[in-house]
Amino acid sequence: MRRLLAAVIAVGAFATAAFVVAAPATSDSTTIPFQARIGNIFGMIPPASVSSSGAIANSAPASGSLDYNGGPVMTTNSVYAIYWQPPGYQLPSGYADNMNGYFKDLQAANGKNTNTYDNATQYYQQQNGSTQYIQDHTTFAGSAVDTNALPPLDPVNCPDTPVALTNGVGNPPSTNASCVTDQQVQQEISAVIKQKGWPTNNSTEFFMFTAPNIGTCFPATVTEEQNGVQTTVTAPLCSFSYFCAYHSAYFDSTVSPNNQIIYSNMPYAAQTAGNPVTCDLGSYPNGNPSDPEISVTSHEHNESITDPFGTGWWDSNPNDSAAGEEIGDMCAWDYGNLYGPDGAQYSQTINGRHYLMQLEWDNSTNGCPGSDASGNAVPSHPNYDIPAISLTPSSGYATAPFKITGQFFAVGDKVASTFTDAGTTTNLGSSTADASGHTSLMTKAPGKATPGTAAVTSKGSSGSASGPFAVLSP
């Protein structure tokens, strides 16, 4: 499994990617370069393997950074899970329990800076002149098993029943496979929300998990370039051939006249018979087919937190190779350090349980924590952010005032800061990490500071960080 993951990462995180689009496209040979966002569909994850008719040419991490585009984030978030298994379709035993357990574990670990979700706490929204940082705070609000029948097949906008329909070479085709459009997914989410009386607001997300052999497509109009000629192509883009999952938001006045409904579309990720592409890397740390679903769920969840409506944090520089990408896209299929035996490897431990979850982009270091610039795991760095500090200013004379700003500490951690130069350590004071794990301390250089480079260190029970302070000669 360690070799498999390494091979996938080498070809599979995100500068550009080309896939043959499921028919009907404008021609049998039409390819549409992979894009993480198209229209109102955000944070798409491409299949992790190379198909026989198209190549994935990705790199992790991508070149670029996340930009704040002025819109809201989810400073805290609540999650509802919907498991859609219509008559004739069935999710595996324990699937929903394992998924629900994942969300419950996230809730149990709120604010502890012990997993990759803590990385989102560097991102913020600006409202009414104030800056509000994201908190590492998830609430699992509930789940429902949805047994409603599938809607009528839309053969124009949803022509791609799952590739698993073939049921493997030499086997009789499955008669139990279908496809739903993005619009039909939205309609089903709304139906469940109304049936359950669930609330909708700008900090609540609904995850739609569909049973095996149910594909998903959405119509897209994109511009492609071949041999220097740009052509506008309209075609359905479908799960298993173009994406593994995505997130978005929509209005439904019958549910709420004021709020958009934030959701993620989560087709069944585990490998199925006859499927030549995969969203499943073959590692099951909890021994259940929901394990690969958790991998792509963490991607979409972090992206929804930082960019719920497409106006939050994403790379809006068209000159970047990562243009259009979000916090998860920038590190897609990059897991950093792996632990455990083959077939059950994991990258994160949350509330005592192991999960295989990708890294999330860190703007403060311009990379994926736990990996180097080439996407290779860095053994000395965990897969979540360790505390970090910045000094403003970072130079001055003895007694000069400066500010120590910290991030990625555990919520409520009492963080003490010291100043060390010429072998002498001076206490500067302490501050307490707020609900987003940030600290702030106004202090000053010691009166007896020696000219040269001193070390400022901030240490709490959740970790420590250091930064240089240049003491100027009088």
Protein backbone atom coordinates (compact mmCIF):
# COMPACT_ATOMS: atom_id res chain seq x y z
CA MET A 1 0.00 0.00 0.00
CA ARG A 2 2.87 2.37 0.70
CA ARG A 3 4.15 1.88 -2.85
CA LEU A 4 0.64 2.28 -4.30
CA LEU A 5 0.09 5.59 -2.55
CA ALA A 6 3.49 6.86 -3.65
CA ALA A 7 2.74 5.95 -7.25
CA VAL A 8 -0.63 7.67 -7.18
CA ILE A 9 0.78 10.82 -5.62
CA ALA A 10 3.46 11.00 -8.28
CA VAL A 11 0.86 11.28 -11.02
CA GLY A 12 -2.06 12.53 -9.08
CA ALA A 13 -2.29 15.94 -7.44
CA PHE A 14 -3.09 18.98 -9.43
CA ALA A 15 -1.52 21.18 -12.04
CA THR A 16 -3.43 20.00 -15.10
CA ALA A 17 -5.18 16.78 -15.92
CA ALA A 18 -6.83 15.41 -19.03
CA PHE A 19 -9.69 12.93 -19.06
CA VAL A 20 -11.79 11.57 -21.86
CA VAL A 21 -15.27 12.85 -21.08
CA ALA A 22 -18.07 10.32 -20.96
CA ALA A 23 -20.28 10.34 -24.05
CA PRO A 24 -22.02 12.22 -25.40
CA ALA A 25 -19.44 14.93 -25.97
CA THR A 26 -18.93 16.86 -29.17
CA SER A 27 -16.95 13.95 -30.59
CA ASP A 28 -15.67 10.59 -29.45
CA SER A 29 -12.15 11.99 -29.13
CA THR A 30 -13.05 15.17 -27.25
CA THR A 31 -11.09 15.69 -24.07
CA ILE A 32 -11.69 18.40 -21.51
CA PRO A 33 -8.73 19.34 -19.32
CA PHE A 34 -9.55 18.81 -15.69
CA GLN A 35 -10.61 21.89 -13.75
CA ALA A 36 -11.32 21.92 -10.03
CA ARG A 37 -14.20 24.39 -10.46
CA ILE A 38 -16.60 24.75 -13.36
CA GLY A 39 -19.49 27.17 -13.00
CA ASN A 40 -21.08 26.62 -9.60
CA ILE A 41 -19.39 23.23 -9.06
CA PHE A 42 -16.39 23.63 -6.75
CA GLY A 43 -13.51 21.55 -5.45
CA MET A 44 -13.82 18.59 -7.81
CA ILE A 45 -11.47 15.68 -7.16
CA PRO A 46 -10.27 13.73 -10.21
CA PRO A 47 -10.05 9.94 -10.21
CA ALA A 48 -6.68 8.86 -8.87
CA SER A 49 -5.71 6.37 -11.56
CA VAL A 50 -4.76 6.75 -15.22
CA SER A 51 -7.44 5.52 -17.61
CA SER A 52 -6.57 3.76 -20.85
CA SER A 53 -7.78 6.70 -22.92
CA GLY A 54 -6.59 9.73 -20.92
CA ALA A 55 -3.66 10.77 -18.75
CA ILE A 56 -3.58 12.50 -15.40
CA ALA A 57 -0.64 14.90 -15.26
CA ASN A 58 -0.76 16.46 -11.83
CA SER A 59 1.78 17.71 -9.30
CA ALA A 60 1.52 18.19 -5.56
CA PRO A 61 1.51 20.82 -4.34
CA ALA A 62 0.37 23.04 -7.19
CA SER A 63 1.91 26.43 -7.89
CA GLY A 64 -0.06 29.28 -6.36
CA SER A 65 -1.73 30.26 -3.11
CA LEU A 66 -5.22 30.78 -1.75
CA ASP A 67 -6.66 34.28 -2.12
CA TYR A 68 -9.44 35.78 -0.06
CA ASN A 69 -12.22 36.74 -2.48
CA GLY A 70 -14.35 38.70 -0.02
CA GLY A 71 -17.11 36.21 0.78
CA PRO A 72 -18.06 34.29 3.92
CA VAL A 73 -16.51 31.18 5.41
CA MET A 74 -17.97 28.80 7.97
CA THR A 75 -16.28 29.89 11.20
CA THR A 76 -17.93 26.89 12.83
CA ASN A 77 -19.83 24.18 10.98
CA SER A 78 -22.62 21.67 11.51
CA VAL A 79 -22.92 18.51 9.41
CA TYR A 80 -25.86 16.38 8.34
CA ALA A 81 -25.28 13.12 6.45
CA ILE A 82 -27.78 11.63 3.98
CA TYR A 83 -27.35 8.02 2.81
CA TRP A 84 -29.38 7.53 -0.36
CA GLN A 85 -30.04 3.87 -1.08
CA PRO A 86 -33.14 3.63 -3.29
CA PRO A 87 -35.02 0.33 -3.72
CA GLY A 88 -32.66 -2.12 -5.40
CA TYR A 89 -29.52 -0.39 -4.11
CA GLN A 90 -27.69 -1.00 -0.86
CA LEU A 91 -24.78 0.57 0.98
CA PRO A 92 -22.45 -1.96 2.65
CA SER A 93 -22.99 -2.95 6.25
CA GLY A 94 -21.41 -0.49 8.66
CA TYR A 95 -20.92 2.16 5.98
CA ALA A 96 -23.14 4.82 7.54
CA ASP A 97 -21.94 3.98 11.05
CA ASN A 98 -18.30 4.48 10.07
CA MET A 99 -19.06 7.75 8.27
CA ASN A 100 -21.09 9.02 11.22
CA GLY A 101 -18.28 7.95 13.54
CA TYR A 102 -15.85 10.06 11.53
CA PHE A 103 -17.95 13.20 12.00
CA LYS A 104 -18.40 12.39 15.69
CA ASP A 105 -14.64 12.03 16.08
CA LEU A 106 -14.11 15.43 14.45
CA GLN A 107 -16.52 16.90 16.98
CA ALA A 108 -14.73 15.20 19.87
CA ALA A 109 -11.41 16.68 18.68
CA ASN A 110 -12.68 20.25 18.30
CA GLY A 111 -10.00 22.85 19.02
CA LYS A 112 -7.27 20.35 19.92
CA ASN A 113 -4.97 21.08 16.91
CA THR A 114 -4.44 17.32 16.47
CA ASN A 115 -5.55 16.79 12.85
CA THR A 116 -5.43 18.50 9.49
CA TYR A 117 -8.70 20.41 10.04
CA ASP A 118 -6.71 22.73 12.31
CA ASN A 119 -5.00 24.03 9.18
CA ALA A 120 -8.17 25.92 8.17
CA THR A 121 -7.88 28.20 11.22
CA GLN A 122 -5.51 30.53 9.35
CA TYR A 123 -8.34 31.52 6.98
CA TYR A 124 -11.00 34.09 7.81
CA GLN A 125 -13.89 36.25 6.71
CA GLN A 126 -14.18 40.02 6.97
CA GLN A 127 -17.58 41.36 8.00
CA ASN A 128 -18.52 44.83 9.24
CA GLY A 129 -14.89 45.81 9.51
CA SER A 130 -13.87 42.84 11.67
CA THR A 131 -11.77 39.77 10.86
CA GLN A 132 -13.28 36.46 12.00
CA TYR A 133 -11.07 33.37 11.79
CA ILE A 134 -12.30 29.85 11.15
CA GLN A 135 -12.44 27.69 14.24
CA ASP A 136 -11.59 24.01 14.33
CA HIS A 137 -15.15 23.27 15.39
CA THR A 138 -17.46 20.69 13.78
CA THR A 139 -20.85 19.60 15.13
CA PHE A 140 -22.34 16.34 13.86
CA ALA A 141 -26.02 17.29 13.82
CA GLY A 142 -27.60 14.09 12.49
CA SER A 143 -28.05 11.61 9.65
CA ALA A 144 -30.78 9.90 7.66
CA VAL A 145 -31.07 6.80 5.50
CA ASP A 146 -32.99 7.87 2.39
CA THR A 147 -34.91 5.07 0.66
CA ASN A 148 -36.74 7.25 -1.87
CA ALA A 149 -36.77 5.88 -5.40
CA LEU A 150 -34.46 7.32 -8.02
CA PRO A 151 -35.99 9.99 -10.25
CA PRO A 152 -36.48 9.25 -13.96
CA LEU A 153 -33.19 9.00 -15.83
CA ASP A 154 -32.20 12.14 -17.74
CA PRO A 155 -30.38 10.57 -20.73
CA VAL A 156 -29.15 13.92 -22.07
CA ASN A 157 -27.64 15.39 -18.92
CA CYS A 158 -26.88 12.07 -17.23
CA PRO A 159 -25.76 9.55 -19.86
CA ASP A 160 -23.04 8.01 -17.73
CA THR A 161 -24.29 5.17 -15.61
CA PRO A 162 -21.38 3.97 -13.49
CA VAL A 163 -18.57 2.25 -15.32
CA ALA A 164 -19.24 -0.62 -12.93
CA LEU A 165 -22.34 -1.32 -15.02
CA THR A 166 -20.15 -3.64 -17.12
CA ASN A 167 -19.46 -5.65 -13.95
CA GLY A 168 -16.01 -6.61 -15.15
CA VAL A 169 -14.75 -8.14 -18.35
CA GLY A 170 -16.49 -11.40 -19.18
CA ASN A 171 -19.25 -10.92 -16.65
CA PRO A 172 -22.87 -10.24 -17.56
CA PRO A 173 -23.72 -6.51 -17.40
CA SER A 174 -25.46 -5.25 -14.29
CA THR A 175 -29.10 -4.32 -14.71
CA ASN A 176 -28.95 -2.28 -11.53
CA ALA A 177 -27.11 0.91 -12.35
CA SER A 178 -28.35 4.43 -12.93
CA CYS A 179 -27.39 8.09 -12.86
CA VAL A 180 -28.68 11.27 -11.25
CA THR A 181 -27.96 14.85 -12.26
CA ASP A 182 -26.67 17.51 -9.90
CA GLN A 183 -30.12 19.12 -10.00
CA GLN A 184 -31.71 15.81 -8.97
CA VAL A 185 -29.22 15.50 -6.12
CA GLN A 186 -30.23 18.97 -4.94
CA GLN A 187 -33.92 18.09 -5.15
CA GLU A 188 -33.36 14.96 -3.07
CA ILE A 189 -31.38 16.85 -0.43
CA SER A 190 -34.23 19.36 -0.18
CA ALA A 191 -36.78 16.56 0.14
CA VAL A 192 -34.89 15.01 3.06
CA ILE A 193 -34.37 18.39 4.75
CA LYS A 194 -38.11 19.08 4.63
CA GLN A 195 -39.00 15.57 5.76
CA LYS A 196 -36.64 15.77 8.75
CA GLY A 197 -37.25 19.41 9.58
CA TRP A 198 -33.52 20.11 9.54
CA PRO A 199 -32.38 23.75 9.73
CA THR A 200 -30.47 25.48 6.96
CA ASN A 201 -28.06 28.35 7.44
CA ASN A 202 -24.65 29.59 6.33
CA SER A 203 -22.80 27.31 8.75
CA THR A 204 -24.56 24.00 7.99
CA GLU A 205 -23.55 21.48 5.33
CA PHE A 206 -25.42 18.46 3.94
CA PHE A 207 -23.42 15.49 2.63
CA MET A 208 -25.23 13.31 0.09
CA PHE A 209 -23.72 9.80 0.03
CA THR A 210 -25.12 7.60 -2.74
CA ALA A 211 -25.13 3.80 -2.92
CA PRO A 212 -22.89 1.82 -5.29
CA ASN A 213 -23.76 1.87 -9.01
CA ILE A 214 -25.40 5.31 -8.89
CA GLY A 215 -23.47 7.79 -11.02
CA THR A 216 -23.72 11.58 -11.01
CA CYS A 217 -23.33 14.09 -13.83
CA PHE A 218 -23.69 17.81 -14.33
CA PRO A 219 -23.86 19.74 -17.64
CA ALA A 220 -20.85 21.97 -18.24
CA THR A 221 -19.79 24.44 -20.89
CA VAL A 222 -16.02 24.81 -20.96
CA THR A 223 -13.41 26.13 -23.34
CA GLU A 224 -10.69 23.78 -24.48
CA GLU A 225 -7.63 24.39 -26.63
CA GLN A 226 -6.33 21.91 -29.19
CA ASN A 227 -3.45 22.73 -31.54
CA GLY A 228 -3.74 26.40 -30.63
CA VAL A 229 -7.45 26.59 -31.45
CA GLN A 230 -9.97 27.31 -28.70
CA THR A 231 -13.32 25.54 -28.87
CA THR A 232 -16.34 25.82 -26.62
CA VAL A 233 -17.55 22.39 -25.59
CA THR A 234 -20.83 21.54 -23.88
CA ALA A 235 -20.94 18.10 -22.32
CA PRO A 236 -22.05 16.28 -19.18
CA LEU A 237 -19.16 15.71 -16.78
CA CYS A 238 -19.62 12.59 -14.71
CA SER A 239 -18.47 10.74 -11.64
CA PHE A 240 -15.93 7.96 -12.07
CA SER A 241 -14.68 9.46 -15.36
CA TYR A 242 -14.17 13.15 -14.45
CA PHE A 243 -14.56 13.56 -10.69
CA CYS A 244 -14.83 11.69 -7.41
CA ALA A 245 -16.78 14.35 -5.48
CA TYR A 246 -17.52 18.08 -5.35
CA HIS A 247 -19.23 20.72 -3.21
CA SER A 248 -21.54 23.62 -3.99
CA ALA A 249 -24.56 25.57 -2.73
CA TYR A 250 -28.04 26.30 -4.11
CA PHE A 251 -31.20 28.23 -3.33
CA ASP A 252 -34.48 26.41 -2.71
CA SER A 253 -37.24 28.81 -1.69
CA THR A 254 -39.43 25.89 -0.55
CA VAL A 255 -36.80 25.12 2.09
CA SER A 256 -35.59 28.62 2.96
CA PRO A 257 -36.32 32.00 1.35
CA ASN A 258 -33.11 33.45 2.77
CA ASN A 259 -30.33 30.86 2.93
CA GLN A 260 -28.47 28.85 0.36
CA ILE A 261 -28.12 25.13 1.07
CA ILE A 262 -24.48 24.11 1.33
CA TYR A 263 -23.90 20.53 0.19
CA SER A 264 -21.36 18.00 -1.04
CA ASN A 265 -22.12 15.36 -3.65
CA MET A 266 -20.37 12.15 -2.59
CA PRO A 267 -20.70 9.27 -5.08
CA TYR A 268 -19.64 5.85 -3.79
CA ALA A 269 -15.85 5.98 -3.81
CA ALA A 270 -14.87 2.36 -3.09
CA GLN A 271 -13.68 0.27 -6.00
CA THR A 272 -16.42 -1.71 -7.71
CA ALA A 273 -16.18 -4.60 -10.16
CA GLY A 274 -15.29 -3.56 -13.67
CA ASN A 275 -14.49 0.07 -12.84
CA PRO A 276 -11.19 1.00 -14.58
CA VAL A 277 -10.84 4.30 -12.71
CA THR A 278 -10.82 4.75 -8.99
CA CYS A 279 -11.33 7.09 -6.09
CA ASP A 280 -10.13 4.29 -3.83
CA LEU A 281 -6.45 3.82 -2.96
CA GLY A 282 -7.07 0.41 -1.45
CA SER A 283 -6.37 1.19 2.20
CA TYR A 284 -9.11 0.48 4.76
CA PRO A 285 -7.91 1.46 8.25
CA ASN A 286 -11.38 0.78 9.68
CA GLY A 287 -12.02 -2.29 7.55
CA ASN A 288 -15.02 -0.77 5.77
CA PRO A 289 -15.70 0.48 2.20
CA SER A 290 -16.52 3.88 3.70
CA ASP A 291 -12.79 4.44 4.37
CA PRO A 292 -12.05 5.80 0.84
CA GLU A 293 -15.22 7.89 1.13
CA ILE A 294 -13.80 9.51 4.26
CA SER A 295 -10.71 10.47 2.27
CA VAL A 296 -12.70 12.46 -0.30
CA THR A 297 -15.13 13.69 2.37
CA SER A 298 -12.32 15.44 4.27
CA HIS A 299 -11.37 17.17 1.01
CA GLU A 300 -14.86 18.52 0.37
CA HIS A 301 -15.55 19.33 4.02
CA ASN A 302 -12.45 21.52 4.39
CA GLU A 303 -13.25 23.25 1.11
CA SER A 304 -16.82 23.96 2.15
CA ILE A 305 -15.57 25.40 5.43
CA THR A 306 -13.16 27.78 3.69
CA ASP A 307 -15.20 28.48 0.53
CA PRO A 308 -18.88 27.55 1.00
CA PHE A 309 -20.29 29.75 -1.79
CA GLY A 310 -17.35 30.10 -4.16
CA THR A 311 -16.52 33.58 -2.85
CA GLY A 312 -14.19 32.65 0.01
CA TRP A 313 -10.66 31.22 -0.21
CA TRP A 314 -9.44 29.94 -3.58
CA ASP A 315 -6.65 30.72 -6.04
CA SER A 316 -8.14 33.47 -8.18
CA ASN A 317 -4.88 34.29 -10.01
CA PRO A 318 -5.38 33.05 -13.60
CA ASN A 319 -1.59 32.86 -14.07
CA ASP A 320 -1.17 30.19 -11.38
CA SER A 321 -1.17 26.52 -12.29
CA ALA A 322 -3.53 26.12 -9.34
CA ALA A 323 -5.99 28.76 -10.61
CA GLY A 324 -9.49 27.89 -9.41
CA GLU A 325 -8.29 25.48 -6.73
CA GLU A 326 -9.22 25.45 -3.04
CA ILE A 327 -7.61 24.24 0.19
CA GLY A 328 -8.17 20.58 -0.67
CA ASP A 329 -7.42 20.77 -4.39
CA MET A 330 -3.95 22.18 -3.73
CA CYS A 331 -2.98 18.96 -1.88
CA ALA A 332 -5.26 16.41 -3.57
CA TRP A 333 -4.07 12.79 -3.27
CA ASP A 334 -1.19 13.95 -1.05
CA TYR A 335 -1.33 12.14 2.30
CA GLY A 336 2.03 13.01 3.82
CA ASN A 337 3.26 10.46 6.35
CA LEU A 338 1.61 7.03 6.37
CA TYR A 339 1.33 4.64 9.29
CA GLY A 340 0.04 1.12 9.84
CA PRO A 341 0.15 -2.12 7.82
CA ASP A 342 -0.43 -2.50 4.09
CA GLY A 343 -4.12 -2.45 3.28
CA ALA A 344 -4.95 -0.50 6.44
CA GLN A 345 -2.61 2.47 6.28
CA TYR A 346 -3.69 5.79 7.71
CA SER A 347 -2.42 9.36 7.91
CA GLN A 348 -4.48 10.87 10.75
CA THR A 349 -5.63 9.72 14.19
CA ILE A 350 -8.71 11.54 15.45
CA ASN A 351 -10.24 10.78 18.84
CA GLY A 352 -8.30 7.51 18.91
CA ARG A 353 -9.43 6.23 15.47
CA HIS A 354 -7.31 6.02 12.33
CA TYR A 355 -8.24 7.61 9.02
CA LEU A 356 -6.65 7.98 5.59
CA MET A 357 -7.08 11.70 4.89
CA GLN A 358 -5.21 14.00 2.52
CA LEU A 359 -3.32 17.11 3.54
CA GLU A 360 -4.79 20.62 3.28
CA TRP A 361 -3.05 23.70 1.86
CA ASP A 362 -1.16 25.97 4.26
CA ASN A 363 -0.83 29.55 3.01
CA SER A 364 1.54 30.46 5.85
CA THR A 365 4.20 28.01 4.58
CA ASN A 366 3.00 27.85 0.96
CA GLY A 367 2.71 24.09 0.92
CA CYS A 368 1.04 20.93 2.18
CA PRO A 369 2.11 20.33 5.80
CA GLY A 370 3.78 16.95 5.99
CA SER A 371 5.07 17.04 2.39
CA ASP A 372 7.89 18.82 0.61
CA ALA A 373 7.57 20.96 -2.53
CA SER A 374 7.46 17.80 -4.67
CA GLY A 375 4.67 16.19 -2.69
CA ASN A 376 6.94 13.72 -0.91
CA ALA A 377 6.28 12.98 2.76
CA VAL A 378 8.50 14.76 5.30
CA PRO A 379 9.05 12.40 8.25
CA SER A 380 9.90 15.18 10.70
CA HIS A 381 6.62 17.02 10.18
CA PRO A 382 3.19 15.75 11.26
CA ASN A 383 0.23 15.84 8.91
CA TYR A 384 -1.34 18.81 10.65
CA ASP A 385 -0.02 22.23 11.45
CA ILE A 386 2.31 22.65 14.39
CA PRO A 387 2.11 26.06 16.13
CA ALA A 388 3.69 29.03 14.36
CA ILE A 389 4.44 32.62 15.38
CA SER A 390 5.18 35.88 13.60
CA LEU A 391 6.85 38.97 15.07
CA THR A 392 5.85 42.54 14.18
CA PRO A 393 8.30 44.15 13.78
CA SER A 394 10.98 41.48 13.80
CA SER A 395 13.84 43.86 14.58
CA GLY A 396 14.50 46.76 16.93
CA TYR A 397 16.67 48.21 19.67
CA ALA A 398 16.66 47.05 23.27
CA THR A 399 13.32 47.95 24.94
CA ALA A 400 11.67 48.25 21.49
CA PRO A 401 8.02 47.12 21.51
CA PHE A 402 6.88 44.30 19.22
CA LYS A 403 3.92 41.97 18.85
CA ILE A 404 3.95 38.17 18.93
CA THR A 405 1.11 36.62 16.92
CA GLY A 406 0.59 32.86 17.14
CA GLN A 407 -1.62 30.34 15.36
CA PHE A 408 -2.35 26.59 15.38
CA PHE A 409 -2.35 26.30 19.17
CA ALA A 410 -5.03 24.30 20.96
CA VAL A 411 -8.03 26.37 22.00
CA GLY A 412 -7.55 27.67 25.56
CA ASP A 413 -3.85 26.80 25.66
CA LYS A 414 -1.84 29.18 27.89
CA VAL A 415 1.18 30.13 25.80
CA ALA A 416 4.28 31.62 27.47
CA SER A 417 6.85 33.55 25.43
CA THR A 418 10.57 34.01 26.08
CA PHE A 419 13.44 36.01 24.56
CA THR A 420 16.86 34.34 24.36
CA ASP A 421 20.10 36.08 23.38
CA ALA A 422 23.74 35.58 24.38
CA GLY A 423 22.71 32.62 26.54
CA THR A 424 20.23 34.62 28.59
CA THR A 425 16.50 33.89 28.59
CA THR A 426 13.95 36.53 29.58
CA ASN A 427 10.24 35.93 30.15
CA LEU A 428 8.09 38.16 27.92
CA GLY A 429 4.64 37.22 29.23
CA SER A 430 1.86 34.88 28.21
CA SER A 431 -1.42 34.82 26.31
CA THR A 432 -4.28 32.34 25.89
CA ALA A 433 -5.23 30.80 22.54
CA ASP A 434 -8.68 31.96 21.45
CA ALA A 435 -11.47 29.94 19.83
CA SER A 436 -9.52 29.81 16.55
CA GLY A 437 -6.21 28.81 18.18
CA HIS A 438 -4.66 32.26 17.74
CA THR A 439 -2.61 34.14 20.34
CA SER A 440 -1.56 37.78 20.57
CA LEU A 441 0.97 39.36 22.95
CA MET A 442 2.34 42.91 22.97
CA THR A 443 5.76 42.94 24.61
CA LYS A 444 9.20 44.52 24.22
CA ALA A 445 12.81 43.50 23.78
CA PRO A 446 14.68 43.23 27.10
CA GLY A 447 16.62 46.32 28.17
CA LYS A 448 19.85 44.31 28.29
CA ALA A 449 19.34 42.64 24.88
CA THR A 450 22.64 42.04 23.07
CA PRO A 451 22.93 43.26 19.46
CA GLY A 452 22.56 40.36 17.05
CA THR A 453 19.94 37.69 16.40
CA ALA A 454 17.81 36.59 19.33
CA ALA A 455 15.22 33.79 19.47
CA VAL A 456 11.65 34.42 20.55
CA THR A 457 9.87 31.23 21.59
CA SER A 458 6.18 30.75 22.39
CA LYS A 459 5.36 27.49 24.16
CA GLY A 460 2.15 25.90 25.36
CA SER A 461 0.92 22.40 26.17
CA SER A 462 -0.07 21.91 22.50
CA GLY A 463 3.35 22.79 21.08
CA SER A 464 5.88 25.55 20.62
CA ALA A 465 7.17 27.84 17.90
CA SER A 466 10.17 30.13 17.52
CA GLY A 467 11.11 33.13 15.41
CA PRO A 468 14.20 35.34 15.06
CA PHE A 469 14.34 38.90 16.37
CA ALA A 470 17.21 41.12 15.20
CA VAL A 471 18.50 43.34 18.00
CA LEU A 472 19.98 46.52 16.50
CA SER A 473 23.15 48.21 17.72
CA PRO A 474 22.56 51.58 19.43
